[in-house]
């Protein structure tokens, strides 16, 4: 005897690209969305359908460790927060969510940012809220307070952003999930929530030369963003700030010029604000940044940490395998770490939600 699988009354897919941030001198300013997607397949069933009220499955990176209960998983916790600000206290029932995540966790490719963006998009879709992306960004920034990753993942492309910081009384409410401290706070039926202020984050899309691809060289160890931030100084020398500002002004235009100028971009991707302070966390980083150059590897444009690391980001137009292999060899020789690499495209659409 065969049984017929229950048919959902509605199904949709949320897809969110991974992102790389900082981009040389652009600490907490620049982000790029890349062609590696966190995907949620969502099914809503009729209340009379004989299936569990909630079921969540997960495949890919972190599958053995990611919590799958609505109040603990970062994506569903974020969605519940978004719904609660519109007086919706729970998910529709029955609800089934399958998550596929190819984004490495804790490696500087925006895994938590993608989870937050996916959660905001999920809450928007489940509540039929019809939030625009600018308003969705406000929700994202209540949870992930650094705009570079979430702006890129949500909006797409090469993005510069800044944050108008809300009052602590707004951001420190116990029912707002925080991506770096998932265990803190709780989202539940009994908690209402205040909607975020309007216009927390502001961004602009920058030009990107279509021939430039991103090579992510990913070592097999993780660095928590909180740990990578803890090593940064509380103040900087004036000349170091000027160094970064000069290069940032050049880089944001140079990456949109075709054909790209390798020497100009390579020099403009130098940094004195975050990479020097994180080098002891990532064995091999100084060697990679100084020995992998356009003169040795034609096609290379620039190289830097991806986000807080430990992933290395190389921008290039050619010789992708040779560039990636050279960085892998340094990781292995200096740090004894295995690694893998991905050659990724810059994607323009950002987060999407489509019926299936």
Protein backbone atom coordinates (compact mmCIF):
# COMPACT_ATOMS: atom_id res chain seq x y z
CA UNK A 1 0.00 0.00 0.00
CA UNK A 2 1.41 3.39 -0.99
CA UNK A 3 0.83 6.62 0.85
CA UNK A 4 0.67 10.03 -0.78
CA UNK A 5 3.03 12.67 0.53
CA UNK A 6 1.18 15.64 2.03
CA UNK A 7 0.85 18.58 -0.32
CA UNK A 8 1.72 22.04 1.06
CA UNK A 9 -0.68 24.90 0.59
CA UNK A 10 2.29 27.17 -0.01
CA UNK A 11 5.98 26.60 -0.70
CA UNK A 12 8.78 29.03 -1.35
CA UNK A 13 12.58 29.25 -1.46
CA UNK A 14 14.79 31.83 0.24
CA UNK A 15 18.32 32.12 -1.17
CA UNK A 16 21.00 34.34 0.35
CA UNK A 17 24.53 34.72 -1.05
CA UNK A 18 27.60 34.54 1.14
CA UNK A 19 29.62 37.70 1.46
CA UNK A 20 33.13 38.95 1.98
CA UNK A 21 33.76 42.13 3.92
CA UNK A 22 36.43 44.71 4.78
CA UNK A 23 38.18 44.32 1.37
CA UNK A 24 41.61 45.65 2.26
CA UNK A 25 41.25 49.19 3.67
CA UNK A 26 37.45 49.03 3.79
CA UNK A 27 37.14 47.83 7.39
CA UNK A 28 33.46 47.72 8.40
CA UNK A 29 32.60 49.59 5.18
CA UNK A 30 32.87 47.40 2.08
CA UNK A 31 31.10 44.13 1.32
CA UNK A 32 30.74 41.93 -1.74
CA UNK A 33 28.09 39.24 -2.33
CA UNK A 34 29.45 36.02 -3.81
CA UNK A 35 27.99 33.03 -5.63
CA UNK A 36 27.67 30.60 -2.72
CA UNK A 37 24.12 30.46 -1.39
CA UNK A 38 22.39 29.61 1.87
CA UNK A 39 19.05 28.13 0.75
CA UNK A 40 15.84 27.61 2.71
CA UNK A 41 13.07 25.47 1.19
CA UNK A 42 9.88 26.21 3.10
CA UNK A 43 6.53 24.42 3.07
CA UNK A 44 3.34 25.47 4.83
CA UNK A 45 0.57 22.87 5.19
CA UNK A 46 -3.13 23.01 5.90
CA UNK A 47 -3.82 22.91 9.68
CA UNK A 48 -5.59 19.57 9.21
CA UNK A 49 -2.58 17.90 7.57
CA UNK A 50 -1.28 15.03 9.75
CA UNK A 51 2.33 16.23 9.99
CA UNK A 52 4.30 17.74 12.91
CA UNK A 53 3.60 21.38 13.71
CA UNK A 54 7.26 22.22 13.02
CA UNK A 55 10.07 20.29 11.37
CA UNK A 56 13.47 21.63 10.40
CA UNK A 57 16.22 19.75 8.61
CA UNK A 58 19.69 20.94 7.70
CA UNK A 59 22.43 19.85 5.32
CA UNK A 60 25.88 21.15 4.48
CA UNK A 61 28.33 23.07 6.65
CA UNK A 62 27.59 22.79 10.36
CA UNK A 63 24.94 20.10 9.94
CA UNK A 64 26.14 18.20 13.01
CA UNK A 65 26.08 21.22 15.32
CA UNK A 66 23.44 23.73 14.23
CA UNK A 67 20.37 23.75 16.54
CA UNK A 68 17.09 22.93 14.82
CA UNK A 69 14.53 24.28 17.29
CA UNK A 70 12.78 27.55 16.40
CA UNK A 71 13.93 29.42 19.53
CA UNK A 72 17.58 28.38 19.19
CA UNK A 73 18.41 28.37 15.49
CA UNK A 74 19.65 31.82 14.43
CA UNK A 75 17.59 31.93 11.23
CA UNK A 76 14.27 30.86 12.76
CA UNK A 77 14.93 32.92 15.89
CA UNK A 78 15.41 35.96 13.67
CA UNK A 79 12.21 35.18 11.77
CA UNK A 80 10.28 34.93 15.06
CA UNK A 81 11.68 38.30 16.09
CA UNK A 82 10.53 39.90 12.83
CA UNK A 83 7.06 38.38 13.19
CA UNK A 84 6.78 39.43 16.84
CA UNK A 85 7.24 43.09 15.88
CA UNK A 86 4.04 42.71 13.85
CA UNK A 87 2.12 41.02 16.68
CA UNK A 88 2.50 37.55 15.19
CA UNK A 89 3.59 35.30 18.04
CA UNK A 90 4.31 32.02 16.28
CA UNK A 91 4.95 30.35 12.95
CA UNK A 92 2.06 29.07 10.85
CA UNK A 93 1.36 25.40 11.51
CA UNK A 94 2.32 22.94 10.22
CA UNK A 95 5.61 24.29 8.87
CA UNK A 96 8.54 22.45 7.34
CA UNK A 97 11.92 24.06 6.60
CA UNK A 98 14.94 22.49 4.97
CA UNK A 99 18.19 24.47 5.11
CA UNK A 100 21.14 23.79 2.86
CA UNK A 101 24.28 25.68 3.79
CA UNK A 102 27.48 25.45 1.72
CA UNK A 103 29.00 28.51 3.45
CA UNK A 104 31.87 27.58 5.80
CA UNK A 105 31.17 28.62 9.39
CA UNK A 106 33.51 30.98 11.23
CA UNK A 107 35.76 31.53 8.23
CA UNK A 108 35.08 35.13 7.18
CA UNK A 109 32.52 34.45 4.45
CA UNK A 110 29.50 35.92 6.17
CA UNK A 111 27.83 32.73 7.41
CA UNK A 112 26.10 34.44 10.35
CA UNK A 113 25.16 37.42 8.19
CA UNK A 114 23.56 35.11 5.63
CA UNK A 115 21.65 33.32 8.41
CA UNK A 116 20.32 36.64 9.72
CA UNK A 117 19.32 37.88 6.25
CA UNK A 118 17.62 34.54 5.58
CA UNK A 119 15.75 34.85 8.88
CA UNK A 120 14.48 38.33 8.08
CA UNK A 121 13.39 37.17 4.61
CA UNK A 122 11.72 34.11 6.16
CA UNK A 123 9.80 36.22 8.68
CA UNK A 124 8.77 38.63 5.94
CA UNK A 125 7.46 35.79 3.76
CA UNK A 126 5.69 33.87 6.55
CA UNK A 127 3.96 36.99 7.82
CA UNK A 128 3.21 38.34 4.33
CA UNK A 129 4.70 41.59 5.61
CA UNK A 130 5.94 42.89 2.24
CA UNK A 131 8.95 44.64 3.74
CA UNK A 132 11.19 46.36 1.23
CA UNK A 133 14.91 45.63 1.30
CA UNK A 134 15.72 48.95 2.94
CA UNK A 135 13.39 48.08 5.81
CA UNK A 136 14.69 44.52 5.95
CA UNK A 137 18.17 45.97 6.42
CA UNK A 138 16.96 47.73 9.58
CA UNK A 139 15.90 44.37 11.00
CA UNK A 140 19.19 42.75 10.00
CA UNK A 141 21.16 45.48 11.74
CA UNK A 142 19.30 45.06 15.00
CA UNK A 143 20.81 41.57 15.10
CA UNK A 144 24.09 41.77 13.14
CA UNK A 145 25.37 45.22 14.04
CA UNK A 146 28.09 45.40 11.37
CA UNK A 147 26.49 46.45 8.07
CA UNK A 148 29.15 45.33 5.58
CA UNK A 149 28.22 41.63 5.39
CA UNK A 150 24.46 41.90 5.76
CA UNK A 151 24.15 44.81 3.32
CA UNK A 152 26.04 42.86 0.66
CA UNK A 153 24.09 39.63 1.27
CA UNK A 154 20.75 41.42 1.26
CA UNK A 155 21.31 43.94 -1.55
CA UNK A 156 23.88 42.15 -3.73
CA UNK A 157 26.94 43.31 -5.63
CA UNK A 158 29.74 45.53 -4.33
CA UNK A 159 28.34 47.64 -1.51
CA UNK A 160 29.60 50.40 0.76
CA UNK A 161 27.56 50.96 3.91
CA UNK A 162 27.46 52.75 7.21
CA UNK A 163 25.49 52.41 10.41
CA UNK A 164 23.47 55.00 12.27
CA UNK A 165 23.76 53.41 15.66
CA UNK A 166 20.46 53.18 17.53
CA UNK A 167 20.23 53.84 21.24
CA UNK A 168 21.39 50.93 23.45
CA UNK A 169 17.91 50.87 24.98
CA UNK A 170 16.65 49.72 21.57
CA UNK A 171 19.33 47.15 20.69
CA UNK A 172 19.75 45.60 24.12
CA UNK A 173 16.18 44.39 24.57
CA UNK A 174 16.20 40.71 25.63
CA UNK A 175 13.99 39.56 22.76
CA UNK A 176 16.37 40.62 19.99
CA UNK A 177 18.62 37.74 18.88
CA UNK A 178 22.28 38.58 18.41
CA UNK A 179 24.28 36.62 15.86
CA UNK A 180 27.49 36.50 17.89
CA UNK A 181 25.77 35.51 21.17
CA UNK A 182 23.00 33.20 20.06
CA UNK A 183 22.47 31.78 23.53
CA UNK A 184 21.52 35.19 24.92
CA UNK A 185 17.95 36.44 24.79
CA UNK A 186 14.85 34.49 23.98
CA UNK A 187 12.08 34.76 21.47
CA UNK A 188 8.76 33.35 22.52
CA UNK A 189 5.01 33.71 22.33
CA UNK A 190 4.95 35.75 25.53
CA UNK A 191 7.32 38.42 24.22
CA UNK A 192 6.28 41.33 22.11
CA UNK A 193 8.99 43.29 20.31
CA UNK A 194 9.60 46.84 19.25
CA UNK A 195 10.06 47.51 15.56
CA UNK A 196 13.52 48.79 14.63
CA UNK A 197 14.02 52.49 13.97
CA UNK A 198 13.81 53.40 10.29
CA UNK A 199 17.09 53.99 8.47
CA UNK A 200 19.58 52.29 10.78
CA UNK A 201 21.79 51.37 7.84
CA UNK A 202 22.60 53.25 4.65
CA UNK A 203 24.37 51.86 1.61
CA UNK A 204 25.37 52.55 -1.95
CA UNK A 205 26.03 50.07 -4.75
CA UNK A 206 29.46 50.52 -6.28
CA UNK A 207 30.68 49.63 -9.75
CA UNK A 208 32.32 46.25 -10.33
CA UNK A 209 34.32 45.24 -13.42
CA UNK A 210 32.68 42.10 -14.75
CA UNK A 211 35.98 40.33 -15.46
CA UNK A 212 37.00 40.31 -11.78
CA UNK A 213 36.37 37.08 -9.87
CA UNK A 214 36.91 36.35 -6.19
CA UNK A 215 39.07 33.46 -5.02
CA UNK A 216 38.31 32.37 -1.45
CA UNK A 217 41.15 30.31 0.06
CA UNK A 218 39.65 28.70 3.14
CA UNK A 219 41.85 27.09 5.82
CA UNK A 220 40.44 24.26 7.92
CA UNK A 221 40.09 26.18 11.17
CA UNK A 222 37.66 28.76 12.49
CA UNK A 223 38.00 32.19 14.09
CA UNK A 224 35.07 33.65 16.00
CA UNK A 225 34.31 37.22 14.93
CA UNK A 226 34.23 38.30 18.57
CA UNK A 227 37.76 36.97 19.09
CA UNK A 228 39.05 38.66 15.93
CA UNK A 229 37.53 41.96 17.05
CA UNK A 230 38.97 41.67 20.54
CA UNK A 231 42.55 41.99 19.25
CA UNK A 232 41.91 45.35 17.57
CA UNK A 233 43.13 48.49 19.32
CA UNK A 234 40.75 51.04 20.83
CA UNK A 235 42.51 53.89 19.03
CA UNK A 236 44.74 54.32 15.97
CA UNK A 237 47.61 56.52 14.92
CA UNK A 238 46.55 59.33 12.60
CA UNK A 239 48.90 58.22 9.82
CA UNK A 240 47.37 54.72 9.79
CA UNK A 241 43.86 56.13 9.45
CA UNK A 242 44.99 58.40 6.62
CA UNK A 243 46.73 55.44 4.96
CA UNK A 244 43.45 53.51 4.86
CA UNK A 245 41.26 56.45 3.85
CA UNK A 246 43.49 57.29 0.89
CA UNK A 247 43.41 53.73 -0.40
CA UNK A 248 39.72 53.28 0.26
CA UNK A 249 38.88 56.31 -1.87
CA UNK A 250 40.91 54.89 -4.77
CA UNK A 251 39.78 51.28 -4.42
CA UNK A 252 36.05 51.94 -4.58
CA UNK A 253 36.48 53.46 -8.05
CA UNK A 254 39.31 51.26 -9.32
CA UNK A 255 37.34 48.00 -8.92
CA UNK A 256 34.69 49.34 -11.29
CA UNK A 257 37.11 50.25 -14.07
CA UNK A 258 37.59 47.94 -17.06
CA UNK A 259 40.18 46.73 -17.79
CA UNK A 260 41.28 46.65 -14.14
CA UNK A 261 44.63 48.21 -13.24
CA UNK A 262 46.44 45.51 -11.25
CA UNK A 263 49.15 47.72 -9.79
CA UNK A 264 46.66 50.39 -8.71
CA UNK A 265 44.27 47.89 -7.10
CA UNK A 266 47.00 45.87 -5.40
CA UNK A 267 48.41 48.95 -3.68
CA UNK A 268 44.93 50.27 -2.86
CA UNK A 269 44.06 47.00 -1.07
CA UNK A 270 46.75 47.48 1.59
CA UNK A 271 45.53 47.93 5.15
CA UNK A 272 46.82 49.16 8.52
CA UNK A 273 43.61 49.05 10.56
CA UNK A 274 42.79 45.38 11.07
CA UNK A 275 45.06 42.93 9.24
CA UNK A 276 48.28 43.75 11.17
CA UNK A 277 46.53 43.07 14.48
CA UNK A 278 45.06 39.75 13.38
CA UNK A 279 48.17 38.21 11.87
CA UNK A 280 49.01 36.19 14.98
CA UNK A 281 45.57 34.54 14.77
CA UNK A 282 46.27 33.30 11.24
CA UNK A 283 49.65 31.60 10.70
CA UNK A 284 50.90 32.38 7.21
CA UNK A 285 48.89 35.58 6.74
CA UNK A 286 51.87 38.00 6.53
CA UNK A 287 53.65 35.72 4.04
CA UNK A 288 50.56 35.41 1.84
CA UNK A 289 49.93 39.16 1.80
CA UNK A 290 53.54 40.01 0.89
CA UNK A 291 54.63 37.20 -1.44
CA UNK A 292 51.57 36.69 -3.65
CA UNK A 293 51.78 39.71 -5.94
CA UNK A 294 50.67 40.66 -9.47
CA UNK A 295 54.28 40.59 -10.69
CA UNK A 296 54.60 36.92 -9.68
CA UNK A 297 51.05 35.87 -10.57
CA UNK A 298 49.68 37.69 -13.62
CA UNK A 299 45.92 38.13 -13.33
CA UNK A 300 46.04 38.87 -9.60
CA UNK A 301 44.65 42.27 -8.67
CA UNK A 302 44.74 42.28 -4.89
CA UNK A 303 44.75 40.07 -1.83
CA UNK A 304 43.45 40.53 1.71
CA UNK A 305 41.66 38.88 4.61
CA UNK A 306 38.04 38.02 3.96
CA UNK A 307 36.11 39.60 6.81
CA UNK A 308 37.74 38.69 10.10
CA UNK A 309 39.45 35.68 8.49
CA UNK A 310 40.91 33.16 8.37
CA UNK A 311 39.82 32.96 4.72
CA UNK A 312 42.03 34.83 2.28
CA UNK A 313 40.32 36.76 -0.52
CA UNK A 314 42.15 37.21 -3.81
CA UNK A 315 40.64 39.30 -6.60
CA UNK A 316 41.81 38.22 -10.03
CA UNK A 317 41.00 38.07 -13.71
CA UNK A 318 43.10 35.00 -14.59
CA UNK A 319 45.39 32.26 -13.20
CA UNK A 320 42.88 31.45 -10.44
CA UNK A 321 44.26 27.98 -9.72
CA UNK A 322 47.87 29.14 -9.52
CA UNK A 323 46.98 32.00 -7.15
CA UNK A 324 44.90 29.76 -4.90
CA UNK A 325 47.54 27.03 -4.84
CA UNK A 326 50.25 29.50 -3.86
CA UNK A 327 48.21 30.62 -0.83
CA UNK A 328 47.42 27.02 0.10
CA UNK A 329 51.10 26.15 0.05
CA UNK A 330 51.89 28.97 2.49
CA UNK A 331 49.09 27.87 4.83
CA UNK A 332 50.48 24.35 4.80
CA UNK A 333 54.15 25.30 5.13
CA UNK A 334 53.82 27.98 7.81
CA UNK A 335 50.77 26.90 9.75
CA UNK A 336 50.45 23.22 8.92
CA UNK A 337 46.82 23.75 7.90
CA UNK A 338 44.95 22.08 5.10
CA UNK A 339 42.71 24.34 3.04
CA UNK A 340 40.44 24.43 0.04
CA UNK A 341 39.51 27.17 -2.38
CA UNK A 342 36.53 28.35 -4.39
CA UNK A 343 36.49 30.64 -7.40
CA UNK A 344 33.33 32.72 -7.03
CA UNK A 345 31.46 35.33 -9.05
CA UNK A 346 30.17 38.60 -7.68
CA UNK A 347 26.36 38.31 -7.77
CA UNK A 348 24.07 41.28 -8.19
CA UNK A 349 20.66 40.11 -6.91
CA UNK A 350 21.33 39.61 -3.21
CA UNK A 351 18.71 37.77 -1.15
CA UNK A 352 15.69 36.43 -3.02
CA UNK A 353 12.42 34.77 -2.04
CA UNK A 354 10.42 33.01 -4.77
CA UNK A 355 7.41 30.72 -4.72
CA UNK A 356 8.12 27.13 -5.74
